[in-house]
Amino acid sequence: MTYTVELRNLRKTFDGHVAVDDVSFAVAPGTIFGFLGQNGAGKTTTIRMIMDILGPDRGEVLLFGRPREANDGRRIGYLPEERGLYRKMTVEDHLRFMAELSGVARAEAARRVRDGLARVELTEWAAKKVETLSKGMQQKVQLLATVLHEPELLILDEPFSGLDPINQGMFKEMIAELRRAGKTILFSTHILEQAEKLCDEIALVARGRVVLTGNLAQMKRERGGRAVEATFESRPASLDALEGVAHASFDGERARIDLAPGTTPAALLSELVLHGHSLSGYRTLEPDLESIFVEAVHDAG
């Protein structure tokens, strides 16, 4: 496969501090790839190396199956963590300028700007100066500027940071639409619940190192089976003393049961039946992304 983005053993240090340590991952065409980790984990430094803003001390960045070329900028839409807008320009003029700068013809740029402003509900603000917009509105303008030239690859650094829930939802919808249009999207975030709803593939990074990478759905399947949900016809007083139960918490007649090491869901079900508990439901729970991240960081030491 020819990957849209491929990182090979990237390393970057600043004054003896290792910010990025042997980072490798690959982003397949047409996927949403989440580069995830806490603030300070090395995500932005890695993205800046992908964008050739910083050079790696060691390692290699490949774009579209080869080393970066000068004209790749027009194939990429980049939303940096530090937002950059021409605050004294009107919203419409700013967006048209950014589209034309990326090679879009003037008339086509004007059409795309009109359509884009309507999409993010900013049409009435088109003639207003950028500086008069709220932070959330400015982030909408920034995202529009990133996509107006219809890039093949979108690189978004913390796109949800500072957005209210409504605008977070709008950004997620736009990202999903772009994927359906065949775009490849690489975005970094420390907000794991946002990534969990969007990503096909992920790389989890901690202290500058990738601790886990791969298909998110497959990770959940492979790391499942450590907790179950049991629905009882008659709620038991407690399950914590039952063999194979690490912890149990109840919500009415339904219980989440974390399994003790070495216990399987089938073995626990046998224990429940053996002790006379009648069940109306029993299923294995998939781990959430936060649980996967915590476990991967712990396993990596």
C-alpha atoms as a PDB file:
ATOM      1  CA  MET A   1       0.000   0.000   0.000  1.00  0.00           C
ATOM      2  CA  THR A   2       1.081   3.555  -0.735  1.00  0.00           C
ATOM      3  CA  TYR A   3       0.429   5.500   2.455  1.00  0.00           C
ATOM      4  CA  THR A   4      -0.647   9.126   2.420  1.00  0.00           C
ATOM      5  CA  VAL A   5       1.600   9.823   5.418  1.00  0.00           C
ATOM      6  CA  GLU A   6       4.352   7.567   6.706  1.00  0.00           C
ATOM      7  CA  LEU A   7       6.729   8.386   9.559  1.00  0.00           C
ATOM      8  CA  ARG A   8       9.859   6.332  10.029  1.00  0.00           C
ATOM      9  CA  ASN A   9      11.702   6.566  13.344  1.00  0.00           C
ATOM     10  CA  LEU A  10      11.340  10.323  13.834  1.00  0.00           C
ATOM     11  CA  ARG A  11      13.363  11.885  16.626  1.00  0.00           C
ATOM     12  CA  LYS A  12      13.560  15.504  17.776  1.00  0.00           C
ATOM     13  CA  THR A  13      15.339  17.029  20.759  1.00  0.00           C
ATOM     14  CA  PHE A  14      15.400  20.549  22.195  1.00  0.00           C
ATOM     15  CA  ASP A  15      18.314  21.478  24.483  1.00  0.00           C
ATOM     16  CA  GLY A  16      18.809  17.862  25.449  1.00  0.00           C
ATOM     17  CA  HIS A  17      15.099  17.176  26.007  1.00  0.00           C
ATOM     18  CA  VAL A  18      13.729  14.407  23.795  1.00  0.00           C
ATOM     19  CA  ALA A  19      10.378  15.706  22.503  1.00  0.00           C
ATOM     20  CA  VAL A  20       9.827  13.003  19.875  1.00  0.00           C
ATOM     21  CA  ASP A  21      11.487   9.639  20.351  1.00  0.00           C
ATOM     22  CA  ASP A  22      11.582   7.141  17.487  1.00  0.00           C
ATOM     23  CA  VAL A  23       8.000   7.800  16.325  1.00  0.00           C
ATOM     24  CA  SER A  24       6.717   5.641  13.480  1.00  0.00           C
ATOM     25  CA  PHE A  25       3.218   5.212  12.062  1.00  0.00           C
ATOM     26  CA  ALA A  26       1.446   5.185   8.701  1.00  0.00           C
ATOM     27  CA  VAL A  27      -1.823   6.759   7.562  1.00  0.00           C
ATOM     28  CA  ALA A  28      -3.734   4.944   4.815  1.00  0.00           C
ATOM     29  CA  PRO A  29      -5.603   6.880   2.109  1.00  0.00           C
ATOM     30  CA  GLY A  30      -9.223   7.775   2.866  1.00  0.00           C
ATOM     31  CA  THR A  31      -9.024   7.171   6.617  1.00  0.00           C
ATOM     32  CA  ILE A  32      -9.383   9.289   9.734  1.00  0.00           C
ATOM     33  CA  PHE A  33      -6.247   8.820  11.810  1.00  0.00           C
ATOM     34  CA  GLY A  34      -6.065  10.073  15.384  1.00  0.00           C
ATOM     35  CA  PHE A  35      -2.696  11.023  16.853  1.00  0.00           C
ATOM     36  CA  LEU A  36      -3.574  10.973  20.525  1.00  0.00           C
ATOM     37  CA  GLY A  37      -1.917  11.836  23.785  1.00  0.00           C
ATOM     38  CA  GLN A  38      -1.771  14.254  26.664  1.00  0.00           C
ATOM     39  CA  ASN A  39      -0.591  17.830  26.255  1.00  0.00           C
ATOM     40  CA  GLY A  40       3.198  17.855  25.995  1.00  0.00           C
ATOM     41  CA  ALA A  41       3.413  14.310  24.646  1.00  0.00           C
ATOM     42  CA  GLY A  42       5.076  15.389  21.377  1.00  0.00           C
ATOM     43  CA  LYS A  43       2.082  15.598  19.047  1.00  0.00           C
ATOM     44  CA  THR A  44       2.563  19.162  17.788  1.00  0.00           C
ATOM     45  CA  THR A  45       6.316  18.706  17.320  1.00  0.00           C
ATOM     46  CA  THR A  46       5.624  15.598  15.231  1.00  0.00           C
ATOM     47  CA  ILE A  47       3.055  17.427  13.104  1.00  0.00           C
ATOM     48  CA  ARG A  48       5.475  20.304  12.544  1.00  0.00           C
ATOM     49  CA  MET A  49       8.000  17.800  11.219  1.00  0.00           C
ATOM     50  CA  ILE A  50       5.360  16.348   8.885  1.00  0.00           C
ATOM     51  CA  MET A  51       4.705  19.893   7.618  1.00  0.00           C
ATOM     52  CA  ASP A  52       8.464  20.595   7.279  1.00  0.00           C
ATOM     53  CA  ILE A  53       8.258  23.475   9.752  1.00  0.00           C
ATOM     54  CA  LEU A  54      10.796  21.609  11.860  1.00  0.00           C
ATOM     55  CA  GLY A  55      13.424  19.197  10.618  1.00  0.00           C
ATOM     56  CA  PRO A  56      13.897  15.889  12.433  1.00  0.00           C
ATOM     57  CA  ASP A  57      17.193  15.059  14.097  1.00  0.00           C
ATOM     58  CA  ARG A  58      16.739  11.582  12.723  1.00  0.00           C
ATOM     59  CA  GLY A  59      14.157   9.680  10.743  1.00  0.00           C
ATOM     60  CA  GLU A  60      12.088  10.238   7.636  1.00  0.00           C
ATOM     61  CA  VAL A  61       8.717  11.688   6.623  1.00  0.00           C
ATOM     62  CA  LEU A  62       7.055  10.336   3.477  1.00  0.00           C
ATOM     63  CA  LEU A  63       4.016  11.978   1.887  1.00  0.00           C
ATOM     64  CA  PHE A  64       1.979  10.274  -0.825  1.00  0.00           C
ATOM     65  CA  GLY A  65       4.492   7.419  -0.860  1.00  0.00           C
ATOM     66  CA  ARG A  66       7.679   9.494  -1.288  1.00  0.00           C
ATOM     67  CA  PRO A  67       9.771  12.228   0.353  1.00  0.00           C
ATOM     68  CA  ARG A  68       8.037  15.605   0.527  1.00  0.00           C
ATOM     69  CA  GLU A  69       8.090  17.745  -2.637  1.00  0.00           C
ATOM     70  CA  ALA A  70       7.718  21.500  -3.018  1.00  0.00           C
ATOM     71  CA  ASN A  71       4.219  21.389  -4.537  1.00  0.00           C
ATOM     72  CA  ASP A  72       2.774  19.113  -1.828  1.00  0.00           C
ATOM     73  CA  GLY A  73       1.497  22.166   0.047  1.00  0.00           C
ATOM     74  CA  ARG A  74      -1.414  22.506  -2.358  1.00  0.00           C
ATOM     75  CA  ARG A  75      -2.398  18.906  -1.681  1.00  0.00           C
ATOM     76  CA  ILE A  76      -2.469  19.458   2.092  1.00  0.00           C
ATOM     77  CA  GLY A  77      -4.769  21.456   4.350  1.00  0.00           C
ATOM     78  CA  TYR A  78      -3.070  22.328   7.645  1.00  0.00           C
ATOM     79  CA  LEU A  79      -4.817  23.639  10.751  1.00  0.00           C
ATOM     80  CA  PRO A  80      -2.090  24.509  13.276  1.00  0.00           C
ATOM     81  CA  GLU A  81      -2.560  24.493  17.023  1.00  0.00           C
ATOM     82  CA  GLU A  82      -1.775  28.214  17.115  1.00  0.00           C
ATOM     83  CA  ARG A  83      -4.526  29.731  15.008  1.00  0.00           C
ATOM     84  CA  GLY A  84      -3.497  32.383  12.478  1.00  0.00           C
ATOM     85  CA  LEU A  85      -6.009  34.822  10.985  1.00  0.00           C
ATOM     86  CA  TYR A  86      -5.755  38.247   9.375  1.00  0.00           C
ATOM     87  CA  ARG A  87      -7.810  39.987  12.018  1.00  0.00           C
ATOM     88  CA  LYS A  88      -8.294  43.310  10.189  1.00  0.00           C
ATOM     89  CA  MET A  89      -9.663  41.654   7.041  1.00  0.00           C
ATOM     90  CA  THR A  90     -13.300  40.802   6.591  1.00  0.00           C
ATOM     91  CA  VAL A  91     -14.217  37.161   6.944  1.00  0.00           C
ATOM     92  CA  GLU A  92     -15.023  36.827   3.242  1.00  0.00           C
ATOM     93  CA  ASP A  93     -11.861  38.611   2.080  1.00  0.00           C
ATOM     94  CA  HIS A  94      -9.695  36.521   4.379  1.00  0.00           C
ATOM     95  CA  LEU A  95     -11.148  33.259   3.112  1.00  0.00           C
ATOM     96  CA  ARG A  96     -10.982  34.277  -0.553  1.00  0.00           C
ATOM     97  CA  PHE A  97      -7.358  35.328  -0.088  1.00  0.00           C
ATOM     98  CA  MET A  98      -6.439  32.000   1.527  1.00  0.00           C
ATOM     99  CA  ALA A  99      -8.199  30.026  -1.216  1.00  0.00           C
ATOM    100  CA  GLU A 100      -6.493  31.987  -4.009  1.00  0.00           C
ATOM    101  CA  LEU A 101      -3.153  31.611  -2.216  1.00  0.00           C
ATOM    102  CA  SER A 102      -3.663  27.839  -2.477  1.00  0.00           C
ATOM    103  CA  GLY A 103      -4.295  28.021  -6.224  1.00  0.00           C
ATOM    104  CA  VAL A 104      -8.078  28.369  -6.463  1.00  0.00           C
ATOM    105  CA  ALA A 105      -9.249  30.694  -9.269  1.00  0.00           C
ATOM    106  CA  ARG A 106     -10.914  33.914  -8.077  1.00  0.00           C
ATOM    107  CA  ALA A 107     -14.472  33.174  -9.200  1.00  0.00           C
ATOM    108  CA  GLU A 108     -14.306  29.612  -7.899  1.00  0.00           C
ATOM    109  CA  ALA A 109     -12.835  30.848  -4.620  1.00  0.00           C
ATOM    110  CA  ALA A 110     -15.764  33.246  -4.185  1.00  0.00           C
ATOM    111  CA  ARG A 111     -18.258  30.420  -4.752  1.00  0.00           C
ATOM    112  CA  ARG A 112     -16.523  28.090  -2.303  1.00  0.00           C
ATOM    113  CA  VAL A 113     -16.378  30.820   0.329  1.00  0.00           C
ATOM    114  CA  ARG A 114     -20.108  31.497   0.028  1.00  0.00           C
ATOM    115  CA  ASP A 115     -20.937  27.802   0.279  1.00  0.00           C
ATOM    116  CA  GLY A 116     -18.515  27.300   3.156  1.00  0.00           C
ATOM    117  CA  LEU A 117     -19.858  30.200   5.192  1.00  0.00           C
ATOM    118  CA  ALA A 118     -23.378  28.860   4.751  1.00  0.00           C
ATOM    119  CA  ARG A 119     -22.212  25.411   5.875  1.00  0.00           C
ATOM    120  CA  VAL A 120     -20.817  26.761   9.163  1.00  0.00           C
ATOM    121  CA  GLU A 121     -23.651  29.260   9.680  1.00  0.00           C
ATOM    122  CA  LEU A 122     -21.522  32.376   9.255  1.00  0.00           C
ATOM    123  CA  THR A 123     -23.076  33.937   6.151  1.00  0.00           C
ATOM    124  CA  GLU A 124     -24.281  37.004   8.051  1.00  0.00           C
ATOM    125  CA  TRP A 125     -20.743  37.590   9.297  1.00  0.00           C
ATOM    126  CA  ALA A 126     -19.116  37.585   5.838  1.00  0.00           C
ATOM    127  CA  ALA A 127     -18.595  41.381   5.752  1.00  0.00           C
ATOM    128  CA  LYS A 128     -17.484  41.635   9.391  1.00  0.00           C
ATOM    129  CA  LYS A 129     -13.854  41.958  10.366  1.00  0.00           C
ATOM    130  CA  VAL A 130     -12.316  38.759  11.703  1.00  0.00           C
ATOM    131  CA  GLU A 131     -11.417  40.469  14.990  1.00  0.00           C
ATOM    132  CA  THR A 132     -15.125  40.990  15.780  1.00  0.00           C
ATOM    133  CA  LEU A 133     -15.846  37.247  15.784  1.00  0.00           C
ATOM    134  CA  SER A 134     -15.973  35.086  18.886  1.00  0.00           C
ATOM    135  CA  LYS A 135     -13.255  32.485  19.390  1.00  0.00           C
ATOM    136  CA  GLY A 136     -15.552  29.703  18.228  1.00  0.00           C
ATOM    137  CA  MET A 137     -16.486  31.619  15.074  1.00  0.00           C
ATOM    138  CA  GLN A 138     -12.822  32.304  14.349  1.00  0.00           C
ATOM    139  CA  GLN A 139     -12.097  28.585  14.604  1.00  0.00           C
ATOM    140  CA  LYS A 140     -14.819  27.920  12.049  1.00  0.00           C
ATOM    141  CA  VAL A 141     -13.179  30.445   9.719  1.00  0.00           C
ATOM    142  CA  GLN A 142      -9.797  28.797  10.297  1.00  0.00           C
ATOM    143  CA  LEU A 143     -11.170  25.363   9.427  1.00  0.00           C
ATOM    144  CA  LEU A 144     -12.836  26.725   6.291  1.00  0.00           C
ATOM    145  CA  ALA A 145      -9.535  28.278   5.218  1.00  0.00           C
ATOM    146  CA  THR A 146      -7.945  24.841   5.669  1.00  0.00           C
ATOM    147  CA  VAL A 147     -10.365  23.038   3.340  1.00  0.00           C
ATOM    148  CA  LEU A 148     -11.357  25.586   0.669  1.00  0.00           C
ATOM    149  CA  HIS A 149      -8.703  24.400  -1.799  1.00  0.00           C
ATOM    150  CA  GLU A 150     -10.085  20.840  -1.432  1.00  0.00           C
ATOM    151  CA  PRO A 151      -6.861  19.187  -0.291  1.00  0.00           C
ATOM    152  CA  GLU A 152      -6.318  15.444  -0.462  1.00  0.00           C
ATOM    153  CA  LEU A 153      -4.795  15.382   3.016  1.00  0.00           C
ATOM    154  CA  LEU A 154      -5.972  17.316   6.063  1.00  0.00           C
ATOM    155  CA  ILE A 155      -3.672  17.719   9.064  1.00  0.00           C
ATOM    156  CA  LEU A 156      -5.519  19.190  12.035  1.00  0.00           C
ATOM    157  CA  ASP A 157      -3.675  19.964  15.272  1.00  0.00           C
ATOM    158  CA  GLU A 158      -6.088  19.992  18.243  1.00  0.00           C
ATOM    159  CA  PRO A 159      -9.106  21.003  16.114  1.00  0.00           C
ATOM    160  CA  PHE A 160     -11.582  20.698  19.020  1.00  0.00           C
ATOM    161  CA  SER A 161      -9.615  22.782  21.523  1.00  0.00           C
ATOM    162  CA  GLY A 162     -11.697  25.596  23.012  1.00  0.00           C
ATOM    163  CA  LEU A 163     -14.883  24.745  21.121  1.00  0.00           C
ATOM    164  CA  ASP A 164     -18.239  24.492  22.852  1.00  0.00           C
ATOM    165  CA  PRO A 165     -20.173  21.193  22.465  1.00  0.00           C
ATOM    166  CA  ILE A 166     -22.325  22.512  19.596  1.00  0.00           C
ATOM    167  CA  ASN A 167     -19.326  23.618  17.533  1.00  0.00           C
ATOM    168  CA  GLN A 168     -17.451  20.438  18.419  1.00  0.00           C
ATOM    169  CA  GLY A 169     -20.378  18.554  16.907  1.00  0.00           C
ATOM    170  CA  MET A 170     -20.258  20.684  13.766  1.00  0.00           C
ATOM    171  CA  PHE A 171     -16.507  20.079  13.389  1.00  0.00           C
ATOM    172  CA  LYS A 172     -17.028  16.331  13.785  1.00  0.00           C
ATOM    173  CA  GLU A 173     -19.724  16.372  11.106  1.00  0.00           C
ATOM    174  CA  MET A 174     -17.445  18.272   8.724  1.00  0.00           C
ATOM    175  CA  ILE A 175     -14.579  15.855   9.323  1.00  0.00           C
ATOM    176  CA  ALA A 176     -16.878  12.896   8.670  1.00  0.00           C
ATOM    177  CA  GLU A 177     -18.138  14.554   5.458  1.00  0.00           C
ATOM    178  CA  LEU A 178     -14.577  15.083   4.264  1.00  0.00           C
ATOM    179  CA  ARG A 179     -13.781  11.438   4.849  1.00  0.00           C
ATOM    180  CA  ARG A 180     -16.869  10.391   2.877  1.00  0.00           C
ATOM    181  CA  ALA A 181     -15.532  12.585   0.072  1.00  0.00           C
ATOM    182  CA  GLY A 182     -12.373  10.459   0.034  1.00  0.00           C
ATOM    183  CA  LYS A 183     -10.064  12.779   1.957  1.00  0.00           C
ATOM    184  CA  THR A 184      -7.396  11.522   4.331  1.00  0.00           C
ATOM    185  CA  ILE A 185      -7.484  13.162   7.747  1.00  0.00           C
ATOM    186  CA  LEU A 186      -4.754  13.139  10.373  1.00  0.00           C
ATOM    187  CA  PHE A 187      -5.636  14.994  13.540  1.00  0.00           C
ATOM    188  CA  SER A 188      -4.103  15.288  16.963  1.00  0.00           C
ATOM    189  CA  THR A 189      -6.080  15.666  20.155  1.00  0.00           C
ATOM    190  CA  HIS A 190      -5.932  15.044  23.885  1.00  0.00           C
ATOM    191  CA  ILE A 191      -9.742  14.749  23.983  1.00  0.00           C
ATOM    192  CA  LEU A 192     -10.027  10.993  23.671  1.00  0.00           C
ATOM    193  CA  GLU A 193     -13.818  10.782  23.573  1.00  0.00           C
ATOM    194  CA  GLN A 194     -13.854  12.924  20.418  1.00  0.00           C
ATOM    195  CA  ALA A 195     -11.302  10.704  18.710  1.00  0.00           C
ATOM    196  CA  GLU A 196     -13.157   7.541  19.709  1.00  0.00           C
ATOM    197  CA  LYS A 197     -16.221   8.649  17.750  1.00  0.00           C
ATOM    198  CA  LEU A 198     -14.309   9.536  14.587  1.00  0.00           C
ATOM    199  CA  CYS A 199     -11.166   7.488  14.086  1.00  0.00           C
ATOM    200  CA  ASP A 200     -10.502   4.445  11.956  1.00  0.00           C
ATOM    201  CA  GLU A 201      -6.865   4.179  13.062  1.00  0.00           C
ATOM    202  CA  ILE A 202      -4.970   5.686  15.973  1.00  0.00           C
ATOM    203  CA  ALA A 203      -1.498   6.162  17.379  1.00  0.00           C
ATOM    204  CA  LEU A 204      -1.233   6.721  21.124  1.00  0.00           C
ATOM    205  CA  VAL A 205       1.799   8.730  22.220  1.00  0.00           C
ATOM    206  CA  ALA A 206       3.204   9.279  25.707  1.00  0.00           C
ATOM    207  CA  ARG A 207       6.414  11.087  26.626  1.00  0.00           C
ATOM    208  CA  GLY A 208       7.376  11.371  22.978  1.00  0.00           C
ATOM    209  CA  ARG A 209       7.003   7.681  22.158  1.00  0.00           C
ATOM    210  CA  VAL A 210       4.227   5.801  20.380  1.00  0.00           C
ATOM    211  CA  VAL A 211       2.906   3.232  22.843  1.00  0.00           C
ATOM    212  CA  LEU A 212       0.183   1.748  20.650  1.00  0.00           C
ATOM    213  CA  THR A 213      -0.918   2.077  17.037  1.00  0.00           C
ATOM    214  CA  GLY A 214      -3.416   0.329  14.800  1.00  0.00           C
ATOM    215  CA  ASN A 215      -7.092  -0.113  13.973  1.00  0.00           C
ATOM    216  CA  LEU A 216      -9.293   1.166  16.792  1.00  0.00           C
ATOM    217  CA  ALA A 217     -12.102  -1.363  16.348  1.00  0.00           C
ATOM    218  CA  GLN A 218      -9.598  -4.224  16.325  1.00  0.00           C
ATOM    219  CA  MET A 219      -7.920  -2.890  19.476  1.00  0.00           C
ATOM    220  CA  LYS A 220     -11.265  -2.868  21.247  1.00  0.00           C
ATOM    221  CA  ARG A 221     -11.983  -6.438  20.186  1.00  0.00           C
ATOM    222  CA  GLU A 222      -8.547  -7.651  21.247  1.00  0.00           C
ATOM    223  CA  ARG A 223      -8.631  -5.826  24.580  1.00  0.00           C
ATOM    224  CA  GLY A 224     -12.246  -6.630  25.371  1.00  0.00           C
ATOM    225  CA  GLY A 225     -13.438  -9.369  27.697  1.00  0.00           C
ATOM    226  CA  ARG A 226     -12.174  -7.727  30.893  1.00  0.00           C
ATOM    227  CA  ALA A 227     -15.553  -6.369  31.925  1.00  0.00           C
ATOM    228  CA  VAL A 228     -19.119  -7.579  31.475  1.00  0.00           C
ATOM    229  CA  GLU A 229     -22.595  -6.182  31.898  1.00  0.00           C
ATOM    230  CA  ALA A 230     -25.025  -8.482  33.700  1.00  0.00           C
ATOM    231  CA  THR A 231     -28.738  -7.797  34.129  1.00  0.00           C
ATOM    232  CA  PHE A 232     -30.278  -9.657  37.078  1.00  0.00           C
ATOM    233  CA  GLU A 233     -33.903 -10.640  37.519  1.00  0.00           C
ATOM    234  CA  SER A 234     -33.373 -10.003  41.229  1.00  0.00           C
ATOM    235  CA  ARG A 235     -30.523  -7.728  42.251  1.00  0.00           C
ATOM    236  CA  PRO A 236     -27.992  -9.453  44.545  1.00  0.00           C
ATOM    237  CA  ALA A 237     -26.778  -7.660  47.660  1.00  0.00           C
ATOM    238  CA  SER A 238     -23.150  -7.870  46.522  1.00  0.00           C
ATOM    239  CA  LEU A 239     -20.919  -9.619  44.001  1.00  0.00           C
ATOM    240  CA  ASP A 240     -17.490  -8.497  45.208  1.00  0.00           C
ATOM    241  CA  ALA A 241     -16.872 -11.708  47.162  1.00  0.00           C
ATOM    242  CA  LEU A 242     -17.659 -13.913  44.159  1.00  0.00           C
ATOM    243  CA  GLU A 243     -14.680 -15.686  42.612  1.00  0.00           C
ATOM    244  CA  GLY A 244     -13.513 -13.923  39.450  1.00  0.00           C
ATOM    245  CA  VAL A 245     -14.976 -10.515  40.358  1.00  0.00           C
ATOM    246  CA  ALA A 246     -12.521  -7.650  40.796  1.00  0.00           C
ATOM    247  CA  HIS A 247     -15.229  -5.035  41.250  1.00  0.00           C
ATOM    248  CA  ALA A 248     -18.960  -4.682  40.624  1.00  0.00           C
ATOM    249  CA  SER A 249     -21.092  -1.547  40.409  1.00  0.00           C
ATOM    250  CA  PHE A 250     -24.881  -1.504  40.069  1.00  0.00           C
ATOM    251  CA  ASP A 251     -27.371   0.671  38.227  1.00  0.00           C
ATOM    252  CA  GLY A 252     -30.712  -0.776  39.215  1.00  0.00           C
ATOM    253  CA  GLU A 253     -30.784  -4.438  38.215  1.00  0.00           C
ATOM    254  CA  ARG A 254     -27.857  -3.979  35.834  1.00  0.00           C
ATOM    255  CA  ALA A 255     -24.245  -4.412  36.966  1.00  0.00           C
ATOM    256  CA  ARG A 256     -20.886  -3.648  35.432  1.00  0.00           C
ATOM    257  CA  ILE A 257     -18.465  -6.317  36.588  1.00  0.00           C
ATOM    258  CA  ASP A 258     -14.700  -5.941  36.177  1.00  0.00           C
ATOM    259  CA  LEU A 259     -13.081  -9.344  35.922  1.00  0.00           C
ATOM    260  CA  ALA A 260     -10.234 -10.495  38.120  1.00  0.00           C
ATOM    261  CA  PRO A 261      -6.998 -11.486  36.342  1.00  0.00           C
ATOM    262  CA  GLY A 262      -7.277 -14.907  34.735  1.00  0.00           C
ATOM    263  CA  THR A 263     -11.087 -14.904  34.683  1.00  0.00           C
ATOM    264  CA  THR A 264     -13.010 -15.092  31.413  1.00  0.00           C
ATOM    265  CA  PRO A 265     -16.570 -13.857  30.793  1.00  0.00           C
ATOM    266  CA  ALA A 266     -17.681 -17.475  30.319  1.00  0.00           C
ATOM    267  CA  ALA A 267     -16.114 -18.550  33.630  1.00  0.00           C
ATOM    268  CA  LEU A 268     -17.808 -15.704  35.475  1.00  0.00           C
ATOM    269  CA  LEU A 269     -21.167 -16.577  33.919  1.00  0.00           C
ATOM    270  CA  SER A 270     -20.771 -20.126  35.203  1.00  0.00           C
ATOM    271  CA  GLU A 271     -20.023 -18.770  38.691  1.00  0.00           C
ATOM    272  CA  LEU A 272     -23.095 -16.563  38.649  1.00  0.00           C
ATOM    273  CA  VAL A 273     -25.357 -19.430  37.613  1.00  0.00           C
ATOM    274  CA  LEU A 274     -23.694 -21.776  40.122  1.00  0.00           C
ATOM    275  CA  HIS A 275     -24.514 -19.345  42.918  1.00  0.00           C
ATOM    276  CA  GLY A 276     -28.170 -19.201  41.898  1.00  0.00           C
ATOM    277  CA  HIS A 277     -28.290 -15.807  40.202  1.00  0.00           C
ATOM    278  CA  SER A 278     -30.961 -15.526  37.477  1.00  0.00           C
ATOM    279  CA  LEU A 279     -29.944 -13.331  34.549  1.00  0.00           C
ATOM    280  CA  SER A 280     -31.997 -11.646  31.845  1.00  0.00           C
ATOM    281  CA  GLY A 281     -28.953 -10.252  30.059  1.00  0.00           C
ATOM    282  CA  TYR A 282     -25.199 -10.789  29.870  1.00  0.00           C
ATOM    283  CA  ARG A 283     -22.660  -9.249  27.494  1.00  0.00           C
ATOM    284  CA  THR A 284     -18.973  -8.478  27.234  1.00  0.00           C
ATOM    285  CA  LEU A 285     -18.143  -4.767  27.324  1.00  0.00           C
ATOM    286  CA  GLU A 286     -15.689  -3.173  24.944  1.00  0.00           C
ATOM    287  CA  PRO A 287     -13.055  -0.997  26.597  1.00  0.00           C
ATOM    288  CA  ASP A 288     -13.252   2.717  25.903  1.00  0.00           C
ATOM    289  CA  LEU A 289     -10.318   4.576  24.377  1.00  0.00           C
ATOM    290  CA  GLU A 290      -9.291   6.101  27.695  1.00  0.00           C
ATOM    291  CA  SER A 291      -8.980   2.639  29.251  1.00  0.00           C
ATOM    292  CA  ILE A 292      -6.919   1.437  26.287  1.00  0.00           C
ATOM    293  CA  PHE A 293      -4.649   4.488  26.575  1.00  0.00           C
ATOM    294  CA  VAL A 294      -4.092   4.095  30.319  1.00  0.00           C
ATOM    295  CA  GLU A 295      -3.308   0.395  29.906  1.00  0.00           C
ATOM    296  CA  ALA A 296      -0.935   1.009  26.993  1.00  0.00           C
ATOM    297  CA  VAL A 297       0.991   3.708  28.900  1.00  0.00           C
ATOM    298  CA  HIS A 298       1.233   1.407  31.931  1.00  0.00           C
ATOM    299  CA  ASP A 299       2.450  -1.522  29.819  1.00  0.00           C
ATOM    300  CA  ALA A 300       5.074   0.701  28.150  1.00  0.00           C
ATOM    301  CA  GLY A 301       6.474   1.650  31.549  1.00  0.00           C
END
